[in-house]
Amino acid sequence: MARIAGLFQALEGTASSQGQEFIRAKLIVSGNAAATAASILGHSRLFWTGFVLSAAGVAFHIIWTLLFYYLFRPVSRKIALLASFVMLVGCAIQAVTALLYLAPWVVLENGSSLGGFTSQQIQSLAFMFWKLNGRSDQFYLVFFGLWCFLTGYLIFRSSFMPKVIGILLSIDGLGWMMFVYPPLGSSLFTFIAIAAGLAEIPLLLWLLIMGVNPQRWNDQAAAAGITSSA
């Protein structure tokens, strides 16, 4: 079960980063609504690939969230449930972000039905939705950061995973929560990215390669009154 959680963590990270970050960055032309509109319409296959990956990332993340709740409920059922609730809210924001990703295409493709709008105004409206997509993604990072902080605490308190991963993940979470004020998060992004690499990559590799210590998981689950196995 731990390895499946690691697999979905990898799938979500790959899909979301490719769709929302890398492909989006290839399509957008900073500060130029007309050029961005031309880029979107001229690279429709790339645009739709980005949307599908962004939407798939939401589904992968929901599964990942539920698996993490299952894994860490022996440590503290209440905190594991709180972490799951926080991340499900984050997944809902991710879904809105995916819809905002799609909005520029809808506006540009159906611009003729927007009576009274000039071509330039339609391009500006599409560009505004593109910027809202980016802001929504930053808002999601706040919830992801809180989830990282809570899950880091659960890992630290667990007997079946290395405590150092829990400490690093909590620090990582504090970094992502800086995006509650986007200019601050953006100015600290280099340090946040380093913290994320030091925490999230080891967590992923540990889950995929090592899983969790089954005897210790079962012992902690038994102490918490949980009988199912990891």
C-alpha atoms as a PDB file:
ATOM      1  CA  MET A   1       0.000   0.000   0.000  1.00  0.00           C
ATOM      2  CA  ALA A   2       2.854   2.396   0.769  1.00  0.00           C
ATOM      3  CA  ARG A   3       4.409   1.713  -2.622  1.00  0.00           C
ATOM      4  CA  ILE A   4       1.075   2.354  -4.337  1.00  0.00           C
ATOM      5  CA  ALA A   5       0.898   5.683  -2.484  1.00  0.00           C
ATOM      6  CA  GLY A   6       4.386   6.487  -3.744  1.00  0.00           C
ATOM      7  CA  LEU A   7       3.367   5.546  -7.283  1.00  0.00           C
ATOM      8  CA  PHE A   8       0.394   7.921  -7.242  1.00  0.00           C
ATOM      9  CA  GLN A   9       2.556  10.635  -5.706  1.00  0.00           C
ATOM     10  CA  ALA A  10       4.901  10.240  -8.685  1.00  0.00           C
ATOM     11  CA  LEU A  11       2.024  10.209 -11.184  1.00  0.00           C
ATOM     12  CA  GLU A  12       0.455  13.323  -9.691  1.00  0.00           C
ATOM     13  CA  GLY A  13       3.724  15.208  -9.533  1.00  0.00           C
ATOM     14  CA  THR A  14       4.588  14.343 -13.127  1.00  0.00           C
ATOM     15  CA  ALA A  15       1.145  15.090 -14.574  1.00  0.00           C
ATOM     16  CA  SER A  16       0.578  18.343 -12.678  1.00  0.00           C
ATOM     17  CA  SER A  17       4.052  19.749 -13.243  1.00  0.00           C
ATOM     18  CA  GLN A  18       4.005  18.912 -16.959  1.00  0.00           C
ATOM     19  CA  GLY A  19       0.510  20.260 -17.518  1.00  0.00           C
ATOM     20  CA  GLN A  20       0.339  23.258 -15.239  1.00  0.00           C
ATOM     21  CA  GLU A  21       3.959  24.372 -15.272  1.00  0.00           C
ATOM     22  CA  PHE A  22       6.025  23.239 -18.275  1.00  0.00           C
ATOM     23  CA  ILE A  23       3.409  23.136 -21.048  1.00  0.00           C
ATOM     24  CA  ARG A  24       1.712  26.291 -19.792  1.00  0.00           C
ATOM     25  CA  ALA A  25       5.075  28.076 -19.743  1.00  0.00           C
ATOM     26  CA  LYS A  26       5.650  27.077 -23.381  1.00  0.00           C
ATOM     27  CA  LEU A  27       2.319  28.566 -24.450  1.00  0.00           C
ATOM     28  CA  ILE A  28       2.220  31.833 -22.547  1.00  0.00           C
ATOM     29  CA  VAL A  29       4.006  34.938 -23.796  1.00  0.00           C
ATOM     30  CA  SER A  30       4.582  37.149 -20.772  1.00  0.00           C
ATOM     31  CA  GLY A  31       2.800  40.491 -20.980  1.00  0.00           C
ATOM     32  CA  ASN A  32       1.500  39.918 -24.519  1.00  0.00           C
ATOM     33  CA  ALA A  33      -2.153  38.886 -24.811  1.00  0.00           C
ATOM     34  CA  ALA A  34      -2.187  38.757 -28.623  1.00  0.00           C
ATOM     35  CA  ALA A  35       0.931  36.571 -28.861  1.00  0.00           C
ATOM     36  CA  THR A  36      -0.385  34.263 -26.113  1.00  0.00           C
ATOM     37  CA  ALA A  37      -3.702  33.882 -27.953  1.00  0.00           C
ATOM     38  CA  ALA A  38      -1.867  33.016 -31.167  1.00  0.00           C
ATOM     39  CA  SER A  39       0.318  30.533 -29.291  1.00  0.00           C
ATOM     40  CA  ILE A  40      -2.707  28.765 -27.768  1.00  0.00           C
ATOM     41  CA  LEU A  41      -4.623  28.541 -31.040  1.00  0.00           C
ATOM     42  CA  GLY A  42      -1.534  27.605 -33.001  1.00  0.00           C
ATOM     43  CA  HIS A  43      -0.547  24.762 -30.666  1.00  0.00           C
ATOM     44  CA  SER A  44      -3.927  23.194 -29.933  1.00  0.00           C
ATOM     45  CA  ARG A  45      -2.572  19.664 -29.431  1.00  0.00           C
ATOM     46  CA  LEU A  46      -0.013  20.875 -26.898  1.00  0.00           C
ATOM     47  CA  PHE A  47      -2.664  22.964 -25.150  1.00  0.00           C
ATOM     48  CA  TRP A  48      -5.068  20.032 -24.802  1.00  0.00           C
ATOM     49  CA  THR A  49      -2.268  17.751 -23.652  1.00  0.00           C
ATOM     50  CA  GLY A  50      -1.581  20.232 -20.863  1.00  0.00           C
ATOM     51  CA  PHE A  51      -5.249  20.322 -19.885  1.00  0.00           C
ATOM     52  CA  VAL A  52      -5.584  16.521 -19.819  1.00  0.00           C
ATOM     53  CA  LEU A  53      -2.440  16.208 -17.685  1.00  0.00           C
ATOM     54  CA  SER A  54      -3.676  18.897 -15.286  1.00  0.00           C
ATOM     55  CA  ALA A  55      -7.049  17.157 -14.910  1.00  0.00           C
ATOM     56  CA  ALA A  56      -5.401  13.747 -14.479  1.00  0.00           C
ATOM     57  CA  GLY A  57      -3.192  15.237 -11.779  1.00  0.00           C
ATOM     58  CA  VAL A  58      -6.310  16.054  -9.745  1.00  0.00           C
ATOM     59  CA  ALA A  59      -7.521  12.442  -9.907  1.00  0.00           C
ATOM     60  CA  PHE A  60      -4.089  11.077  -8.993  1.00  0.00           C
ATOM     61  CA  HIS A  61      -3.884  13.502  -6.080  1.00  0.00           C
ATOM     62  CA  ILE A  62      -7.230  12.409  -4.612  1.00  0.00           C
ATOM     63  CA  ILE A  63      -6.095   8.781  -4.627  1.00  0.00           C
ATOM     64  CA  TRP A  64      -2.711   9.775  -3.166  1.00  0.00           C
ATOM     65  CA  THR A  65      -4.433  11.740  -0.386  1.00  0.00           C
ATOM     66  CA  LEU A  66      -6.677   8.842   0.618  1.00  0.00           C
ATOM     67  CA  LEU A  67      -3.782   6.369   0.606  1.00  0.00           C
ATOM     68  CA  PHE A  68      -1.738   8.647   2.868  1.00  0.00           C
ATOM     69  CA  TYR A  69      -4.664   8.830   5.287  1.00  0.00           C
ATOM     70  CA  TYR A  70      -4.784   5.049   5.361  1.00  0.00           C
ATOM     71  CA  LEU A  71      -1.043   4.794   5.986  1.00  0.00           C
ATOM     72  CA  PHE A  72      -0.806   7.349   8.775  1.00  0.00           C
ATOM     73  CA  ARG A  73      -4.054   6.920  10.684  1.00  0.00           C
ATOM     74  CA  PRO A  74      -2.284   4.547  13.152  1.00  0.00           C
ATOM     75  CA  VAL A  75      -0.155   7.538  14.227  1.00  0.00           C
ATOM     76  CA  SER A  76      -3.072   9.914  14.840  1.00  0.00           C
ATOM     77  CA  ARG A  77      -6.440   9.376  13.254  1.00  0.00           C
ATOM     78  CA  LYS A  78      -7.503  12.995  13.906  1.00  0.00           C
ATOM     79  CA  ILE A  79      -4.422  14.622  12.388  1.00  0.00           C
ATOM     80  CA  ALA A  80      -4.413  12.191   9.454  1.00  0.00           C
ATOM     81  CA  LEU A  81      -8.076  13.066   8.842  1.00  0.00           C
ATOM     82  CA  LEU A  82      -7.305  16.788   9.105  1.00  0.00           C
ATOM     83  CA  ALA A  83      -4.435  16.420   6.634  1.00  0.00           C
ATOM     84  CA  SER A  84      -6.729  14.562   4.237  1.00  0.00           C
ATOM     85  CA  PHE A  85      -9.417  17.235   4.512  1.00  0.00           C
ATOM     86  CA  VAL A  86      -6.865  19.996   3.860  1.00  0.00           C
ATOM     87  CA  MET A  87      -5.549  18.190   0.792  1.00  0.00           C
ATOM     88  CA  LEU A  88      -9.015  17.413  -0.574  1.00  0.00           C
ATOM     89  CA  VAL A  89      -9.713  21.155  -0.407  1.00  0.00           C
ATOM     90  CA  GLY A  90      -6.427  21.580  -2.253  1.00  0.00           C
ATOM     91  CA  CYS A  91      -7.589  19.059  -4.863  1.00  0.00           C
ATOM     92  CA  ALA A  92     -10.780  21.078  -5.345  1.00  0.00           C
ATOM     93  CA  ILE A  93      -8.630  24.167  -5.957  1.00  0.00           C
ATOM     94  CA  GLN A  94      -6.543  22.111  -8.393  1.00  0.00           C
ATOM     95  CA  ALA A  95      -9.741  21.240 -10.255  1.00  0.00           C
ATOM     96  CA  VAL A  96     -10.695  24.926 -10.475  1.00  0.00           C
ATOM     97  CA  THR A  97      -7.174  25.647 -11.706  1.00  0.00           C
ATOM     98  CA  ALA A  98      -7.632  23.062 -14.462  1.00  0.00           C
ATOM     99  CA  LEU A  99     -10.899  24.707 -15.511  1.00  0.00           C
ATOM    100  CA  LEU A 100      -9.187  28.099 -15.608  1.00  0.00           C
ATOM    101  CA  TYR A 101      -6.531  26.488 -17.805  1.00  0.00           C
ATOM    102  CA  LEU A 102      -9.295  25.589 -20.257  1.00  0.00           C
ATOM    103  CA  ALA A 103     -11.033  28.991 -20.107  1.00  0.00           C
ATOM    104  CA  PRO A 104      -8.727  30.873 -22.550  1.00  0.00           C
ATOM    105  CA  TRP A 105      -9.406  28.303 -25.257  1.00  0.00           C
ATOM    106  CA  VAL A 106     -13.173  28.605 -24.743  1.00  0.00           C
ATOM    107  CA  VAL A 107     -12.991  32.408 -24.930  1.00  0.00           C
ATOM    108  CA  LEU A 108     -10.783  32.450 -28.029  1.00  0.00           C
ATOM    109  CA  GLU A 109     -12.722  29.755 -29.889  1.00  0.00           C
ATOM    110  CA  ASN A 110     -16.119  31.344 -29.161  1.00  0.00           C
ATOM    111  CA  GLY A 111     -15.059  34.963 -29.327  1.00  0.00           C
ATOM    112  CA  SER A 112     -17.449  35.717 -32.197  1.00  0.00           C
ATOM    113  CA  SER A 113     -20.410  34.959 -29.926  1.00  0.00           C
ATOM    114  CA  LEU A 114     -19.319  37.652 -27.477  1.00  0.00           C
ATOM    115  CA  GLY A 115     -21.197  40.486 -29.084  1.00  0.00           C
ATOM    116  CA  GLY A 116     -19.676  43.934 -28.702  1.00  0.00           C
ATOM    117  CA  PHE A 117     -16.179  42.646 -27.900  1.00  0.00           C
ATOM    118  CA  THR A 118     -13.313  43.510 -30.183  1.00  0.00           C
ATOM    119  CA  SER A 119     -10.657  40.973 -31.101  1.00  0.00           C
ATOM    120  CA  GLN A 120      -8.198  42.720 -28.794  1.00  0.00           C
ATOM    121  CA  GLN A 121     -10.663  42.629 -25.888  1.00  0.00           C
ATOM    122  CA  ILE A 122     -11.272  38.899 -26.402  1.00  0.00           C
ATOM    123  CA  GLN A 123      -7.529  38.254 -26.361  1.00  0.00           C
ATOM    124  CA  SER A 124      -7.191  40.316 -23.183  1.00  0.00           C
ATOM    125  CA  LEU A 125     -10.036  38.348 -21.543  1.00  0.00           C
ATOM    126  CA  ALA A 126      -8.365  35.053 -22.436  1.00  0.00           C
ATOM    127  CA  PHE A 127      -5.063  36.351 -21.070  1.00  0.00           C
ATOM    128  CA  MET A 128      -6.793  37.361 -17.816  1.00  0.00           C
ATOM    129  CA  PHE A 129      -8.097  33.797 -17.384  1.00  0.00           C
ATOM    130  CA  TRP A 130      -4.547  32.527 -18.027  1.00  0.00           C
ATOM    131  CA  LYS A 131      -3.264  34.780 -15.228  1.00  0.00           C
ATOM    132  CA  LEU A 132      -6.077  33.635 -12.907  1.00  0.00           C
ATOM    133  CA  ASN A 133      -4.982  30.076 -13.614  1.00  0.00           C
ATOM    134  CA  GLY A 134      -1.514  30.938 -12.288  1.00  0.00           C
ATOM    135  CA  ARG A 135      -2.922  32.680  -9.204  1.00  0.00           C
ATOM    136  CA  SER A 136      -5.176  29.722  -8.466  1.00  0.00           C
ATOM    137  CA  ASP A 137      -2.183  27.396  -8.673  1.00  0.00           C
ATOM    138  CA  GLN A 138      -0.332  29.553  -6.128  1.00  0.00           C
ATOM    139  CA  PHE A 139      -3.369  29.438  -3.808  1.00  0.00           C
ATOM    140  CA  TYR A 140      -3.327  25.637  -4.048  1.00  0.00           C
ATOM    141  CA  LEU A 141       0.293  25.631  -2.871  1.00  0.00           C
ATOM    142  CA  VAL A 142      -0.809  27.050   0.513  1.00  0.00           C
ATOM    143  CA  PHE A 143      -3.004  23.999   1.151  1.00  0.00           C
ATOM    144  CA  PHE A 144      -0.346  21.662  -0.186  1.00  0.00           C
ATOM    145  CA  GLY A 145       2.110  23.267   2.223  1.00  0.00           C
ATOM    146  CA  LEU A 146      -0.217  22.739   5.187  1.00  0.00           C
ATOM    147  CA  TRP A 147      -0.671  19.112   4.136  1.00  0.00           C
ATOM    148  CA  CYS A 148       3.118  18.682   3.962  1.00  0.00           C
ATOM    149  CA  PHE A 149       3.504  20.186   7.442  1.00  0.00           C
ATOM    150  CA  LEU A 150       0.841  17.908   8.969  1.00  0.00           C
ATOM    151  CA  THR A 151       2.097  14.808   7.153  1.00  0.00           C
ATOM    152  CA  GLY A 152       5.659  15.618   8.199  1.00  0.00           C
ATOM    153  CA  TYR A 153       4.455  15.620  11.801  1.00  0.00           C
ATOM    154  CA  LEU A 154       2.772  12.240  11.280  1.00  0.00           C
ATOM    155  CA  ILE A 155       5.939  10.762   9.749  1.00  0.00           C
ATOM    156  CA  PHE A 156       8.021  12.117  12.639  1.00  0.00           C
ATOM    157  CA  ARG A 157       5.645  10.557  15.173  1.00  0.00           C
ATOM    158  CA  SER A 158       5.466   7.261  13.307  1.00  0.00           C
ATOM    159  CA  SER A 159       7.593   4.247  14.139  1.00  0.00           C
ATOM    160  CA  PHE A 160       7.656   2.893  10.592  1.00  0.00           C
ATOM    161  CA  MET A 161       9.334   5.692   8.567  1.00  0.00           C
ATOM    162  CA  PRO A 162      12.516   7.773   9.082  1.00  0.00           C
ATOM    163  CA  LYS A 163      11.907  10.780  11.318  1.00  0.00           C
ATOM    164  CA  VAL A 164      14.284  12.935   9.269  1.00  0.00           C
ATOM    165  CA  ILE A 165      11.877  12.749   6.299  1.00  0.00           C
ATOM    166  CA  GLY A 166       9.129  14.053   8.562  1.00  0.00           C
ATOM    167  CA  ILE A 167      11.255  16.987   9.697  1.00  0.00           C
ATOM    168  CA  LEU A 168      12.249  17.878   6.133  1.00  0.00           C
ATOM    169  CA  LEU A 169       8.666  17.581   4.890  1.00  0.00           C
ATOM    170  CA  SER A 170       7.377  19.916   7.616  1.00  0.00           C
ATOM    171  CA  ILE A 171      10.027  22.497   6.694  1.00  0.00           C
ATOM    172  CA  ASP A 172       9.022  22.062   3.061  1.00  0.00           C
ATOM    173  CA  GLY A 173       5.403  22.694   4.031  1.00  0.00           C
ATOM    174  CA  LEU A 174       6.257  25.933   5.810  1.00  0.00           C
ATOM    175  CA  GLY A 175       7.965  27.067   2.611  1.00  0.00           C
ATOM    176  CA  TRP A 176       4.968  26.390   0.373  1.00  0.00           C
ATOM    177  CA  MET A 177       2.684  28.171   2.826  1.00  0.00           C
ATOM    178  CA  MET A 178       4.601  31.385   2.102  1.00  0.00           C
ATOM    179  CA  PHE A 179       2.472  31.581  -1.048  1.00  0.00           C
ATOM    180  CA  VAL A 180      -0.363  32.820   1.160  1.00  0.00           C
ATOM    181  CA  TYR A 181       1.275  36.111   0.099  1.00  0.00           C
ATOM    182  CA  PRO A 182       2.375  35.342  -3.495  1.00  0.00           C
ATOM    183  CA  PRO A 183       5.080  38.044  -3.762  1.00  0.00           C
ATOM    184  CA  LEU A 184       6.777  36.586  -0.666  1.00  0.00           C
ATOM    185  CA  GLY A 185       6.520  33.032  -1.984  1.00  0.00           C
ATOM    186  CA  SER A 186       7.881  34.076  -5.363  1.00  0.00           C
ATOM    187  CA  SER A 187      10.827  35.926  -3.806  1.00  0.00           C
ATOM    188  CA  LEU A 188      11.699  32.861  -1.699  1.00  0.00           C
ATOM    189  CA  PHE A 189      11.024  30.336  -4.451  1.00  0.00           C
ATOM    190  CA  THR A 190      14.655  29.234  -4.848  1.00  0.00           C
ATOM    191  CA  PHE A 191      14.873  28.291  -1.161  1.00  0.00           C
ATOM    192  CA  ILE A 192      11.403  26.704  -1.223  1.00  0.00           C
ATOM    193  CA  ALA A 193      12.359  24.601  -4.262  1.00  0.00           C
ATOM    194  CA  ILE A 194      15.522  23.390  -2.495  1.00  0.00           C
ATOM    195  CA  ALA A 195      13.494  22.454   0.606  1.00  0.00           C
ATOM    196  CA  ALA A 196      10.973  20.656  -1.614  1.00  0.00           C
ATOM    197  CA  GLY A 197      13.712  18.664  -3.337  1.00  0.00           C
ATOM    198  CA  LEU A 198      15.255  17.653  -0.022  1.00  0.00           C
ATOM    199  CA  ALA A 199      11.901  16.480   1.357  1.00  0.00           C
ATOM    200  CA  GLU A 200       9.588  15.349  -1.417  1.00  0.00           C
ATOM    201  CA  ILE A 201      12.103  13.361  -3.487  1.00  0.00           C
ATOM    202  CA  PRO A 202      13.359  11.310  -0.493  1.00  0.00           C
ATOM    203  CA  LEU A 203       9.737  10.711   0.568  1.00  0.00           C
ATOM    204  CA  LEU A 204       8.844   9.479  -2.920  1.00  0.00           C
ATOM    205  CA  LEU A 205      11.901   7.240  -3.221  1.00  0.00           C
ATOM    206  CA  TRP A 206      11.446   5.819   0.272  1.00  0.00           C
ATOM    207  CA  LEU A 207       7.824   4.891  -0.413  1.00  0.00           C
ATOM    208  CA  LEU A 208       8.590   3.378  -3.822  1.00  0.00           C
ATOM    209  CA  ILE A 209      11.694   1.430  -2.756  1.00  0.00           C
ATOM    210  CA  MET A 210      11.324   0.749   0.954  1.00  0.00           C
ATOM    211  CA  GLY A 211       7.619   1.177   1.611  1.00  0.00           C
ATOM    212  CA  VAL A 212       7.056   1.172   5.358  1.00  0.00           C
ATOM    213  CA  ASN A 213       8.321  -1.210   8.023  1.00  0.00           C
ATOM    214  CA  PRO A 214       5.361  -3.635   8.123  1.00  0.00           C
ATOM    215  CA  GLN A 215       6.004  -4.999  11.612  1.00  0.00           C
ATOM    216  CA  ARG A 216       6.255  -1.535  13.131  1.00  0.00           C
ATOM    217  CA  TRP A 217       3.204  -0.341  11.163  1.00  0.00           C
ATOM    218  CA  ASN A 218       1.186  -3.298  12.424  1.00  0.00           C
ATOM    219  CA  ASP A 219       2.389  -2.720  15.989  1.00  0.00           C
ATOM    220  CA  GLN A 220       1.428   0.961  15.887  1.00  0.00           C
ATOM    221  CA  ALA A 221      -1.873   0.106  14.210  1.00  0.00           C
ATOM    222  CA  ALA A 222      -2.637  -2.485  16.888  1.00  0.00           C
ATOM    223  CA  ALA A 223      -1.874   0.060  19.614  1.00  0.00           C
ATOM    224  CA  ALA A 224      -4.343   2.433  17.932  1.00  0.00           C
ATOM    225  CA  GLY A 225      -6.983  -0.295  17.639  1.00  0.00           C
ATOM    226  CA  ILE A 226      -6.522  -0.747  13.852  1.00  0.00           C
ATOM    227  CA  THR A 227      -6.244  -4.333  12.606  1.00  0.00           C
ATOM    228  CA  SER A 228      -5.811  -3.967   8.815  1.00  0.00           C
ATOM    229  CA  SER A 229      -2.347  -4.247   7.258  1.00  0.00           C
ATOM    230  CA  ALA A 230      -0.224  -1.784   5.259  1.00  0.00           C
END
